[in-house]
Amino acid sequence: MLEVNVKDARSQLSALLNRVEKGEEIIIKRRGKKVARMVPPEPGHQLPRLKDFRASLKVRGKPMSETVINARNEGRY
């Protein structure tokens, strides 16, 4: 486990991410105190693809455009 200070983490972020990607854990310290831990994500624990996420959303009620137009016609802004 590698421990680095914030200044070094900023300047070496890309290299640190490469090490984390390979499975290493990295601790980031500020003034000698641990403030963050970089670890690789758990296998199978990934965000869904944006296209799949959008397809999973269900719209309820009237479309927002219709609601805005009705509010404008009624004189409520």
C-alpha atoms as a PDB file:
ATOM      1  CA  MET A   1       0.000   0.000   0.000  1.00  0.00           C
ATOM      2  CA  LEU A   2       1.450   3.315  -1.131  1.00  0.00           C
ATOM      3  CA  GLU A   3       0.947   6.513   0.874  1.00  0.00           C
ATOM      4  CA  VAL A   4       1.341   9.906  -0.833  1.00  0.00           C
ATOM      5  CA  ASN A   5       0.646  13.498   0.163  1.00  0.00           C
ATOM      6  CA  VAL A   6      -1.907  15.653  -1.645  1.00  0.00           C
ATOM      7  CA  LYS A   7       0.690  17.651  -3.584  1.00  0.00           C
ATOM      8  CA  ASP A   8       2.319  14.501  -4.977  1.00  0.00           C
ATOM      9  CA  ALA A   9      -1.079  12.948  -5.714  1.00  0.00           C
ATOM     10  CA  ARG A  10      -2.049  15.974  -7.812  1.00  0.00           C
ATOM     11  CA  SER A  11       1.151  15.925  -9.823  1.00  0.00           C
ATOM     12  CA  GLN A  12       1.127  12.135 -10.307  1.00  0.00           C
ATOM     13  CA  LEU A  13      -2.593  11.424 -10.597  1.00  0.00           C
ATOM     14  CA  SER A  14      -2.397   9.601 -13.924  1.00  0.00           C
ATOM     15  CA  ALA A  15       0.392   7.315 -12.708  1.00  0.00           C
ATOM     16  CA  LEU A  16      -1.447   6.663  -9.438  1.00  0.00           C
ATOM     17  CA  LEU A  17      -4.624   5.740 -11.320  1.00  0.00           C
ATOM     18  CA  ASN A  18      -2.638   3.291 -13.429  1.00  0.00           C
ATOM     19  CA  ARG A  19      -1.364   1.625 -10.249  1.00  0.00           C
ATOM     20  CA  VAL A  20      -4.880   1.471  -8.785  1.00  0.00           C
ATOM     21  CA  GLU A  21      -6.162  -0.004 -12.032  1.00  0.00           C
ATOM     22  CA  LYS A  22      -3.636  -2.829 -11.600  1.00  0.00           C
ATOM     23  CA  GLY A  23      -5.046  -3.593  -8.141  1.00  0.00           C
ATOM     24  CA  GLU A  24      -2.915  -1.493  -5.793  1.00  0.00           C
ATOM     25  CA  GLU A  25      -4.404   0.535  -2.941  1.00  0.00           C
ATOM     26  CA  ILE A  26      -3.175   4.107  -2.417  1.00  0.00           C
ATOM     27  CA  ILE A  27      -3.666   6.298   0.654  1.00  0.00           C
ATOM     28  CA  ILE A  28      -3.641  10.092   0.247  1.00  0.00           C
ATOM     29  CA  LYS A  29      -2.530  12.150   3.233  1.00  0.00           C
ATOM     30  CA  ARG A  30      -2.907  15.807   4.126  1.00  0.00           C
ATOM     31  CA  ARG A  31      -0.503  17.095   6.792  1.00  0.00           C
ATOM     32  CA  GLY A  32       0.291  13.531   7.789  1.00  0.00           C
ATOM     33  CA  LYS A  33      -3.339  12.454   8.282  1.00  0.00           C
ATOM     34  CA  LYS A  34      -5.097   9.981   6.013  1.00  0.00           C
ATOM     35  CA  VAL A  35      -7.863  11.740   4.069  1.00  0.00           C
ATOM     36  CA  ALA A  36      -8.606   9.427   1.130  1.00  0.00           C
ATOM     37  CA  ARG A  37      -8.109   5.912  -0.127  1.00  0.00           C
ATOM     38  CA  MET A  38      -7.959   4.965  -3.799  1.00  0.00           C
ATOM     39  CA  VAL A  39      -8.979   1.380  -4.506  1.00  0.00           C
ATOM     40  CA  PRO A  40      -9.998  -0.448  -7.671  1.00  0.00           C
ATOM     41  CA  PRO A  41     -13.755  -0.899  -8.133  1.00  0.00           C
ATOM     42  CA  GLU A  42     -15.321  -4.189  -7.171  1.00  0.00           C
ATOM     43  CA  PRO A  43     -15.815  -6.527 -10.135  1.00  0.00           C
ATOM     44  CA  GLY A  44     -19.304  -6.322 -11.566  1.00  0.00           C
ATOM     45  CA  HIS A  45     -20.013  -3.075  -9.723  1.00  0.00           C
ATOM     46  CA  GLN A  46     -20.121  -0.688 -12.669  1.00  0.00           C
ATOM     47  CA  LEU A  47     -22.523   2.028 -13.676  1.00  0.00           C
ATOM     48  CA  PRO A  48     -24.984   1.144 -16.432  1.00  0.00           C
ATOM     49  CA  ARG A  49     -24.403   2.444 -19.939  1.00  0.00           C
ATOM     50  CA  LEU A  50     -26.061   5.822 -20.441  1.00  0.00           C
ATOM     51  CA  LYS A  51     -28.228   4.462 -23.266  1.00  0.00           C
ATOM     52  CA  ASP A  52     -29.519   1.643 -21.023  1.00  0.00           C
ATOM     53  CA  PHE A  53     -30.104   4.037 -18.127  1.00  0.00           C
ATOM     54  CA  ARG A  54     -32.148   6.416 -20.285  1.00  0.00           C
ATOM     55  CA  ALA A  55     -34.180   3.515 -21.654  1.00  0.00           C
ATOM     56  CA  SER A  56     -35.002   2.411 -18.095  1.00  0.00           C
ATOM     57  CA  LEU A  57     -36.563   5.770 -17.155  1.00  0.00           C
ATOM     58  CA  LYS A  58     -40.335   5.883 -17.212  1.00  0.00           C
ATOM     59  CA  VAL A  59     -42.029   9.243 -17.792  1.00  0.00           C
ATOM     60  CA  ARG A  60     -45.184   9.859 -15.774  1.00  0.00           C
ATOM     61  CA  GLY A  61     -47.706  12.631 -16.269  1.00  0.00           C
ATOM     62  CA  LYS A  62     -47.759  15.301 -18.941  1.00  0.00           C
ATOM     63  CA  PRO A  63     -44.626  16.269 -20.836  1.00  0.00           C
ATOM     64  CA  MET A  64     -42.818  19.251 -19.315  1.00  0.00           C
ATOM     65  CA  SER A  65     -43.172  21.234 -22.547  1.00  0.00           C
ATOM     66  CA  GLU A  66     -46.956  20.938 -22.342  1.00  0.00           C
ATOM     67  CA  THR A  67     -46.931  22.000 -18.684  1.00  0.00           C
ATOM     68  CA  VAL A  68     -44.825  25.096 -19.465  1.00  0.00           C
ATOM     69  CA  ILE A  69     -47.027  26.094 -22.410  1.00  0.00           C
ATOM     70  CA  ASN A  70     -50.177  25.723 -20.283  1.00  0.00           C
ATOM     71  CA  ALA A  71     -48.661  27.808 -17.493  1.00  0.00           C
ATOM     72  CA  ARG A  72     -47.726  30.543 -19.953  1.00  0.00           C
ATOM     73  CA  ASN A  73     -51.216  30.553 -21.444  1.00  0.00           C
ATOM     74  CA  GLU A  74     -52.746  30.842 -17.988  1.00  0.00           C
ATOM     75  CA  GLY A  75     -50.489  33.823 -17.220  1.00  0.00           C
ATOM     76  CA  ARG A  76     -48.478  32.128 -14.460  1.00  0.00           C
ATOM     77  CA  TYR A  77     -44.753  32.422 -15.028  1.00  0.00           C
END
